[in-house]
PDB file of all heavy atoms in Angstrom:
ATOM      1  N   GLU A   1      -0.702  13.507  -1.618  1.00  0.00           N
ATOM      2  CA  GLU A   1      -1.672  12.860  -0.736  1.00  0.00           C
ATOM      3  C   GLU A   1      -1.278  11.423  -0.442  1.00  0.00           C
ATOM      4  O   GLU A   1      -1.381  10.949   0.691  1.00  0.00           O
ATOM      5  CB  GLU A   1      -3.064  12.904  -1.368  1.00  0.00           C
ATOM      6  CG  GLU A   1      -3.668  14.299  -1.423  1.00  0.00           C
ATOM      7  CD  GLU A   1      -5.166  14.248  -1.690  1.00  0.00           C
ATOM      8  OE1 GLU A   1      -5.818  13.327  -1.189  1.00  0.00           O
ATOM      9  OE2 GLU A   1      -5.659  15.124  -2.405  1.00  0.00           O
ATOM     10  N   VAL A   2      -0.826  10.708  -1.471  1.00  0.00           N
ATOM     11  CA  VAL A   2      -0.416   9.321  -1.281  1.00  0.00           C
ATOM     12  C   VAL A   2       0.806   9.248  -0.375  1.00  0.00           C
ATOM     13  O   VAL A   2       0.888   8.403   0.525  1.00  0.00           O
ATOM     14  CB  VAL A   2      -0.122   8.656  -2.641  1.00  0.00           C
ATOM     15  CG1 VAL A   2       0.536   7.290  -2.443  1.00  0.00           C
ATOM     16  CG2 VAL A   2      -1.406   8.503  -3.444  1.00  0.00           C
ATOM     17  N   GLY A   3       1.767  10.149  -0.598  1.00  0.00           N
ATOM     18  CA  GLY A   3       2.955  10.156   0.248  1.00  0.00           C
ATOM     19  C   GLY A   3       2.621  10.413   1.705  1.00  0.00           C
ATOM     20  O   GLY A   3       3.165   9.758   2.604  1.00  0.00           O
ATOM     21  N   GLU A   4       1.718  11.345   1.976  1.00  0.00           N
ATOM     22  CA  GLU A   4       1.315  11.632   3.355  1.00  0.00           C
ATOM     23  C   GLU A   4       0.658  10.416   4.010  1.00  0.00           C
ATOM     24  O   GLU A   4       0.864  10.158   5.195  1.00  0.00           O
ATOM     25  CB  GLU A   4       0.364  12.820   3.387  1.00  0.00           C
ATOM     26  CG  GLU A   4       1.026  14.158   3.108  1.00  0.00           C
ATOM     27  CD  GLU A   4       0.047  15.312   3.180  1.00  0.00           C
ATOM     28  OE1 GLU A   4      -1.155  15.048   3.431  1.00  0.00           O
ATOM     29  OE2 GLU A   4       0.458  16.471   2.975  1.00  0.00           O
ATOM     30  N   LEU A   5      -0.138   9.692   3.227  1.00  0.00           N
ATOM     31  CA  LEU A   5      -0.819   8.520   3.775  1.00  0.00           C
ATOM     32  C   LEU A   5       0.174   7.425   4.158  1.00  0.00           C
ATOM     33  O   LEU A   5      -0.080   6.644   5.078  1.00  0.00           O
ATOM     34  CB  LEU A   5      -1.825   7.980   2.754  1.00  0.00           C
ATOM     35  CG  LEU A   5      -2.679   6.788   3.184  1.00  0.00           C
ATOM     36  CD1 LEU A   5      -3.559   7.145   4.380  1.00  0.00           C
ATOM     37  CD2 LEU A   5      -3.550   6.299   2.017  1.00  0.00           C
ATOM     38  N   ALA A   6       1.306   7.361   3.454  1.00  0.00           N
ATOM     39  CA  ALA A   6       2.278   6.295   3.703  1.00  0.00           C
ATOM     40  C   ALA A   6       3.262   6.619   4.822  1.00  0.00           C
ATOM     41  O   ALA A   6       4.047   5.756   5.221  1.00  0.00           O
ATOM     42  CB  ALA A   6       3.044   5.994   2.420  1.00  0.00           C
ATOM     43  N   VAL A   7       3.230   7.833   5.332  1.00  0.00           N
ATOM     44  CA  VAL A   7       4.148   8.218   6.407  1.00  0.00           C
ATOM     45  C   VAL A   7       3.781   7.475   7.695  1.00  0.00           C
ATOM     46  O   VAL A   7       2.608   7.384   8.066  1.00  0.00           O
ATOM     47  CB  VAL A   7       4.113   9.740   6.639  1.00  0.00           C
ATOM     48  CG1 VAL A   7       4.893  10.114   7.896  1.00  0.00           C
ATOM     49  CG2 VAL A   7       4.682  10.467   5.432  1.00  0.00           C
ATOM     50  N   GLY A   8       4.797   6.949   8.379  1.00  0.00           N
ATOM     51  CA  GLY A   8       4.575   6.347   9.697  1.00  0.00           C
ATOM     52  C   GLY A   8       4.005   4.949   9.687  1.00  0.00           C
ATOM     53  O   GLY A   8       3.390   4.535  10.675  1.00  0.00           O
ATOM     54  N   LEU A   9       4.194   4.195   8.608  1.00  0.00           N
ATOM     55  CA  LEU A   9       3.736   2.805   8.599  1.00  0.00           C
ATOM     56  C   LEU A   9       4.439   2.017   9.695  1.00  0.00           C
ATOM     57  O   LEU A   9       5.664   2.110   9.862  1.00  0.00           O
ATOM     58  CB  LEU A   9       4.035   2.153   7.239  1.00  0.00           C
ATOM     59  CG  LEU A   9       3.315   2.699   6.004  1.00  0.00           C
ATOM     60  CD1 LEU A   9       3.762   1.931   4.764  1.00  0.00           C
ATOM     61  CD2 LEU A   9       1.806   2.618   6.160  1.00  0.00           C
ATOM     62  N   ASP A  10       3.675   1.220  10.463  1.00  0.00           N
ATOM     63  CA  ASP A  10       4.304   0.403  11.498  1.00  0.00           C
ATOM     64  C   ASP A  10       4.298  -1.067  11.099  1.00  0.00           C
ATOM     65  O   ASP A  10       3.952  -1.415   9.975  1.00  0.00           O
ATOM     66  CB  ASP A  10       3.644   0.639  12.859  1.00  0.00           C
ATOM     67  CG  ASP A  10       2.170   0.255  12.877  1.00  0.00           C
ATOM     68  OD1 ASP A  10       1.763  -0.611  12.088  1.00  0.00           O
ATOM     69  OD2 ASP A  10       1.416   0.839  13.684  1.00  0.00           O
ATOM     70  N   GLU A  11       4.647  -1.924  12.055  1.00  0.00           N
ATOM     71  CA  GLU A  11       4.947  -3.319  11.725  1.00  0.00           C
ATOM     72  C   GLU A  11       3.755  -4.121  11.220  1.00  0.00           C
ATOM     73  O   GLU A  11       3.931  -5.133  10.538  1.00  0.00           O
ATOM     74  CB  GLU A  11       5.557  -4.029  12.937  1.00  0.00           C
ATOM     75  CG  GLU A  11       4.604  -4.250  14.127  1.00  0.00           C
ATOM     76  CD  GLU A  11       4.464  -3.005  14.992  1.00  0.00           C
ATOM     77  OE1 GLU A  11       5.159  -2.013  14.725  1.00  0.00           O
ATOM     78  OE2 GLU A  11       3.651  -3.027  15.945  1.00  0.00           O
ATOM     79  N   ASN A  12       2.526  -3.707  11.520  1.00  0.00           N
ATOM     80  CA  ASN A  12       1.374  -4.482  11.038  1.00  0.00           C
ATOM     81  C   ASN A  12       0.543  -3.721  10.015  1.00  0.00           C
ATOM     82  O   ASN A  12      -0.587  -4.091   9.718  1.00  0.00           O
ATOM     83  CB  ASN A  12       0.483  -4.922  12.215  1.00  0.00           C
ATOM     84  CG  ASN A  12      -0.243  -3.748  12.857  1.00  0.00           C
ATOM     85  OD1 ASN A  12       0.219  -2.618  12.771  1.00  0.00           O
ATOM     86  ND2 ASN A  12      -1.360  -4.023  13.508  1.00  0.00           N
ATOM     87  N   ASP A  13       1.110  -2.659   9.447  1.00  0.00           N
ATOM     88  CA  ASP A  13       0.400  -1.888   8.426  1.00  0.00           C
ATOM     89  C   ASP A  13       0.639  -2.460   7.032  1.00  0.00           C
ATOM     90  O   ASP A  13       1.689  -3.064   6.763  1.00  0.00           O
ATOM     91  CB  ASP A  13       0.853  -0.423   8.441  1.00  0.00           C
ATOM     92  CG  ASP A  13       0.242   0.363   9.586  1.00  0.00           C
ATOM     93  OD1 ASP A  13      -0.839  -0.029  10.052  1.00  0.00           O
ATOM     94  OD2 ASP A  13       0.854   1.353  10.025  1.00  0.00           O
ATOM     95  N   ALA A  14      -0.330  -2.254   6.163  1.00  0.00           N
ATOM     96  CA  ALA A  14      -0.202  -2.613   4.749  1.00  0.00           C
ATOM     97  C   ALA A  14      -0.779  -1.464   3.938  1.00  0.00           C
ATOM     98  O   ALA A  14      -1.980  -1.195   4.016  1.00  0.00           O
ATOM     99  CB  ALA A  14      -0.935  -3.916   4.445  1.00  0.00           C
ATOM    100  N   PHE A  15       0.071  -0.797   3.195  1.00  0.00           N
ATOM    101  CA  PHE A  15      -0.357   0.317   2.352  1.00  0.00           C
ATOM    102  C   PHE A  15      -0.784  -0.266   1.009  1.00  0.00           C
ATOM    103  O   PHE A  15       0.008  -0.910   0.319  1.00  0.00           O
ATOM    104  CB  PHE A  15       0.807   1.297   2.173  1.00  0.00           C
ATOM    105  CG  PHE A  15       0.449   2.522   1.389  1.00  0.00           C
ATOM    106  CD1 PHE A  15       0.052   3.677   2.030  1.00  0.00           C
ATOM    107  CD2 PHE A  15       0.497   2.519   0.004  1.00  0.00           C
ATOM    108  CE1 PHE A  15      -0.273   4.815   1.305  1.00  0.00           C
ATOM    109  CE2 PHE A  15       0.174   3.639  -0.728  1.00  0.00           C
ATOM    110  CZ  PHE A  15      -0.210   4.797  -0.078  1.00  0.00           C
ATOM    111  N   VAL A  16      -2.042  -0.048   0.618  1.00  0.00           N
ATOM    112  CA  VAL A  16      -2.609  -0.696  -0.568  1.00  0.00           C
ATOM    113  C   VAL A  16      -2.839   0.331  -1.661  1.00  0.00           C
ATOM    114  O   VAL A  16      -3.505   1.353  -1.440  1.00  0.00           O
ATOM    115  CB  VAL A  16      -3.946  -1.403  -0.231  1.00  0.00           C
ATOM    116  CG1 VAL A  16      -4.493  -2.115  -1.467  1.00  0.00           C
ATOM    117  CG2 VAL A  16      -3.746  -2.394   0.906  1.00  0.00           C
ATOM    118  N   ILE A  17      -2.302   0.046  -2.852  1.00  0.00           N
ATOM    119  CA  ILE A  17      -2.449   0.970  -3.969  1.00  0.00           C
ATOM    120  C   ILE A  17      -2.676   0.183  -5.252  1.00  0.00           C
ATOM    121  O   ILE A  17      -2.153  -0.927  -5.419  1.00  0.00           O
ATOM    122  CB  ILE A  17      -1.213   1.894  -4.086  1.00  0.00           C
ATOM    123  CG1 ILE A  17      -1.466   3.009  -5.098  1.00  0.00           C
ATOM    124  CG2 ILE A  17       0.052   1.103  -4.393  1.00  0.00           C
ATOM    125  CD1 ILE A  17      -0.421   4.119  -5.052  1.00  0.00           C
ATOM    126  N   PHE A  18      -3.473   0.752  -6.157  1.00  0.00           N
ATOM    127  CA  PHE A  18      -3.797   0.135  -7.450  1.00  0.00           C
ATOM    128  C   PHE A  18      -3.257   1.062  -8.550  1.00  0.00           C
ATOM    129  O   PHE A  18      -3.935   2.028  -8.939  1.00  0.00           O
ATOM    130  CB  PHE A  18      -5.308  -0.044  -7.597  1.00  0.00           C
ATOM    131  CG  PHE A  18      -5.934  -0.863  -6.488  1.00  0.00           C
ATOM    132  CD1 PHE A  18      -6.387  -0.246  -5.323  1.00  0.00           C
ATOM    133  CD2 PHE A  18      -6.069  -2.240  -6.608  1.00  0.00           C
ATOM    134  CE1 PHE A  18      -6.957  -0.989  -4.301  1.00  0.00           C
ATOM    135  CE2 PHE A  18      -6.641  -2.987  -5.591  1.00  0.00           C
ATOM    136  CZ  PHE A  18      -7.084  -2.365  -4.437  1.00  0.00           C
ATOM    137  N   PRO A  19      -2.047   0.809  -9.058  1.00  0.00           N
ATOM    138  CA  PRO A  19      -1.400   1.771  -9.966  1.00  0.00           C
ATOM    139  C   PRO A  19      -2.103   1.981 -11.303  1.00  0.00           C
ATOM    140  O   PRO A  19      -1.834   2.985 -11.973  1.00  0.00           O
ATOM    141  CB  PRO A  19      -0.006   1.149 -10.193  1.00  0.00           C
ATOM    142  CG  PRO A  19       0.192   0.205  -9.068  1.00  0.00           C
ATOM    143  CD  PRO A  19      -1.161  -0.310  -8.725  1.00  0.00           C
ATOM    144  N   GLU A  20      -2.983   1.068 -11.700  1.00  0.00           N
ATOM    145  CA  GLU A  20      -3.692   1.269 -12.967  1.00  0.00           C
ATOM    146  C   GLU A  20      -4.695   2.420 -12.875  1.00  0.00           C
ATOM    147  O   GLU A  20      -5.016   3.053 -13.880  1.00  0.00           O
ATOM    148  CB  GLU A  20      -4.424  -0.007 -13.368  1.00  0.00           C
ATOM    149  CG  GLU A  20      -3.510  -1.151 -13.760  1.00  0.00           C
ATOM    150  CD  GLU A  20      -4.266  -2.455 -13.839  1.00  0.00           C
ATOM    151  OE1 GLU A  20      -4.654  -2.970 -12.767  1.00  0.00           O
ATOM    152  OE2 GLU A  20      -4.473  -2.958 -14.956  1.00  0.00           O
ATOM    153  N   GLY A  21      -5.238   2.643 -11.685  1.00  0.00           N
ATOM    154  CA  GLY A  21      -6.185   3.730 -11.495  1.00  0.00           C
ATOM    155  C   GLY A  21      -7.595   3.422 -11.940  1.00  0.00           C
ATOM    156  O   GLY A  21      -8.482   4.275 -11.838  1.00  0.00           O
ATOM    157  N   GLY A  22      -7.854   2.222 -12.430  1.00  0.00           N
ATOM    158  CA  GLY A  22      -9.193   1.850 -12.880  1.00  0.00           C
ATOM    159  C   GLY A  22      -9.196   0.454 -13.449  1.00  0.00           C
ATOM    160  O   GLY A  22      -8.143  -0.189 -13.604  1.00  0.00           O
ATOM    161  N   ASN A  23     -10.380  -0.032 -13.764  1.00  0.00           N
ATOM    162  CA  ASN A  23     -10.513  -1.376 -14.322  1.00  0.00           C
ATOM    163  C   ASN A  23     -10.023  -1.424 -15.766  1.00  0.00           C
ATOM    164  O   ASN A  23     -10.146  -0.461 -16.514  1.00  0.00           O
ATOM    165  CB  ASN A  23     -11.982  -1.827 -14.285  1.00  0.00           C
ATOM    166  CG  ASN A  23     -12.527  -1.838 -12.884  1.00  0.00           C
ATOM    167  OD1 ASN A  23     -11.855  -2.230 -11.936  1.00  0.00           O
ATOM    168  ND2 ASN A  23     -13.762  -1.375 -12.728  1.00  0.00           N
ATOM    169  N   PHE A  24      -9.519  -2.571 -16.151  1.00  0.00           N
ATOM    170  CA  PHE A  24      -9.065  -2.763 -17.526  1.00  0.00           C
ATOM    171  C   PHE A  24     -10.257  -2.873 -18.478  1.00  0.00           C
ATOM    172  O   PHE A  24     -11.207  -3.605 -18.224  1.00  0.00           O
ATOM    173  CB  PHE A  24      -8.237  -4.043 -17.632  1.00  0.00           C
ATOM    174  CG  PHE A  24      -7.841  -4.397 -19.046  1.00  0.00           C
ATOM    175  CD1 PHE A  24      -6.642  -3.938 -19.557  1.00  0.00           C
ATOM    176  CD2 PHE A  24      -8.670  -5.157 -19.850  1.00  0.00           C
ATOM    177  CE1 PHE A  24      -6.278  -4.245 -20.857  1.00  0.00           C
ATOM    178  CE2 PHE A  24      -8.312  -5.473 -21.152  1.00  0.00           C
ATOM    179  CZ  PHE A  24      -7.114  -5.012 -21.655  1.00  0.00           C
ATOM    180  N   THR A  25     -10.200  -2.107 -19.554  1.00  0.00           N
ATOM    181  CA  THR A  25     -11.076  -2.299 -20.707  1.00  0.00           C
ATOM    182  C   THR A  25     -10.224  -2.036 -21.941  1.00  0.00           C
ATOM    183  O   THR A  25      -9.236  -1.279 -21.873  1.00  0.00           O
ATOM    184  CB  THR A  25     -12.284  -1.330 -20.722  1.00  0.00           C
ATOM    185  OG1 THR A  25     -11.800   0.010 -20.894  1.00  0.00           O
ATOM    186  CG2 THR A  25     -13.102  -1.429 -19.443  1.00  0.00           C
ATOM    187  N   PRO A  26     -10.538  -2.641 -23.083  1.00  0.00           N
ATOM    188  CA  PRO A  26      -9.749  -2.378 -24.296  1.00  0.00           C
ATOM    189  C   PRO A  26      -9.676  -0.894 -24.635  1.00  0.00           C
ATOM    190  O   PRO A  26      -8.622  -0.388 -25.053  1.00  0.00           O
ATOM    191  CB  PRO A  26     -10.492  -3.175 -25.370  1.00  0.00           C
ATOM    192  CG  PRO A  26     -11.154  -4.292 -24.624  1.00  0.00           C
ATOM    193  CD  PRO A  26     -11.556  -3.692 -23.307  1.00  0.00           C
ATOM    194  N   ARG A  27     -10.784  -0.179 -24.433  1.00  0.00           N
ATOM    195  CA  ARG A  27     -10.788   1.251 -24.754  1.00  0.00           C
ATOM    196  C   ARG A  27      -9.842   2.024 -23.841  1.00  0.00           C
ATOM    197  O   ARG A  27      -9.086   2.893 -24.310  1.00  0.00           O
ATOM    198  CB  ARG A  27     -12.213   1.795 -24.635  1.00  0.00           C
ATOM    199  CG  ARG A  27     -12.329   3.268 -24.977  1.00  0.00           C
ATOM    200  CD  ARG A  27     -13.760   3.755 -24.799  1.00  0.00           C
ATOM    201  NE  ARG A  27     -13.865   5.183 -25.065  1.00  0.00           N
ATOM    202  CZ  ARG A  27     -14.973   5.889 -24.889  1.00  0.00           C
ATOM    203  NH1 ARG A  27     -16.067   5.292 -24.448  1.00  0.00           N
ATOM    204  NH2 ARG A  27     -14.994   7.183 -25.150  1.00  0.00           N
ATOM    205  N   ARG A  28      -9.871   1.735 -22.549  1.00  0.00           N
ATOM    206  CA  ARG A  28      -8.972   2.422 -21.626  1.00  0.00           C
ATOM    207  C   ARG A  28      -7.515   2.091 -21.940  1.00  0.00           C
ATOM    208  O   ARG A  28      -6.637   2.944 -21.794  1.00  0.00           O
ATOM    209  CB  ARG A  28      -9.304   2.023 -20.188  1.00  0.00           C
ATOM    210  CG  ARG A  28     -10.566   2.665 -19.650  1.00  0.00           C
ATOM    211  CD  ARG A  28     -10.847   2.218 -18.234  1.00  0.00           C
ATOM    212  NE  ARG A  28     -12.018   2.886 -17.693  1.00  0.00           N
ATOM    213  CZ  ARG A  28     -12.570   2.576 -16.532  1.00  0.00           C
ATOM    214  NH1 ARG A  28     -12.053   1.602 -15.793  1.00  0.00           N
ATOM    215  NH2 ARG A  28     -13.646   3.228 -16.104  1.00  0.00           N
ATOM    216  N   ARG A  29      -7.266   0.867 -22.359  1.00  0.00           N
ATOM    217  CA  ARG A  29      -5.897   0.478 -22.712  1.00  0.00           C
ATOM    218  C   ARG A  29      -5.386   1.322 -23.874  1.00  0.00           C
ATOM    219  O   ARG A  29      -4.267   1.856 -23.830  1.00  0.00           O
ATOM    220  CB  ARG A  29      -5.861  -1.008 -23.070  1.00  0.00           C
ATOM    221  CG  ARG A  29      -4.528  -1.493 -23.603  1.00  0.00           C
ATOM    222  CD  ARG A  29      -4.586  -2.984 -23.918  1.00  0.00           C
ATOM    223  NE  ARG A  29      -3.361  -3.434 -24.542  1.00  0.00           N
ATOM    224  CZ  ARG A  29      -3.133  -3.413 -25.848  1.00  0.00           C
ATOM    225  NH1 ARG A  29      -4.072  -2.939 -26.674  1.00  0.00           N
ATOM    226  NH2 ARG A  29      -1.990  -3.840 -26.343  1.00  0.00           N
ATOM    227  N   VAL A  30      -6.206   1.451 -24.921  1.00  0.00           N
ATOM    228  CA  VAL A  30      -5.812   2.241 -26.088  1.00  0.00           C
ATOM    229  C   VAL A  30      -5.583   3.703 -25.692  1.00  0.00           C
ATOM    230  O   VAL A  30      -4.592   4.331 -26.097  1.00  0.00           O
ATOM    231  CB  VAL A  30      -6.877   2.129 -27.198  1.00  0.00           C
ATOM    232  CG1 VAL A  30      -6.592   3.124 -28.316  1.00  0.00           C
ATOM    233  CG2 VAL A  30      -6.925   0.710 -27.757  1.00  0.00           C
ATOM    234  N   LYS A  31      -6.481   4.260 -24.896  1.00  0.00           N
ATOM    235  CA  LYS A  31      -6.348   5.659 -24.483  1.00  0.00           C
ATOM    236  C   LYS A  31      -5.089   5.871 -23.638  1.00  0.00           C
ATOM    237  O   LYS A  31      -4.407   6.903 -23.780  1.00  0.00           O
ATOM    238  CB  LYS A  31      -7.586   6.092 -23.693  1.00  0.00           C
ATOM    239  CG  LYS A  31      -8.846   6.242 -24.537  1.00  0.00           C
ATOM    240  CD  LYS A  31     -10.026   6.705 -23.701  1.00  0.00           C
ATOM    241  CE  LYS A  31      -9.814   8.104 -23.174  1.00  0.00           C
ATOM    242  NZ  LYS A  31     -11.005   8.610 -22.439  1.00  0.00           N
ATOM    243  N   ALA A  32      -4.798   4.898 -22.767  1.00  0.00           N
ATOM    244  CA  ALA A  32      -3.610   5.032 -21.928  1.00  0.00           C
ATOM    245  C   ALA A  32      -2.335   4.990 -22.763  1.00  0.00           C
ATOM    246  O   ALA A  32      -1.384   5.750 -22.510  1.00  0.00           O
ATOM    247  CB  ALA A  32      -3.590   3.912 -20.883  1.00  0.00           C
TER     248      ALA A  32
END
């Protein structure tokens, strides 16, 4: 899905992604 969304970017496009997938919390850090 992400790859399809990035197809055909033109000169004024900005593809925005958050690789963490969620907000930082100590518990999420330990689980990750």
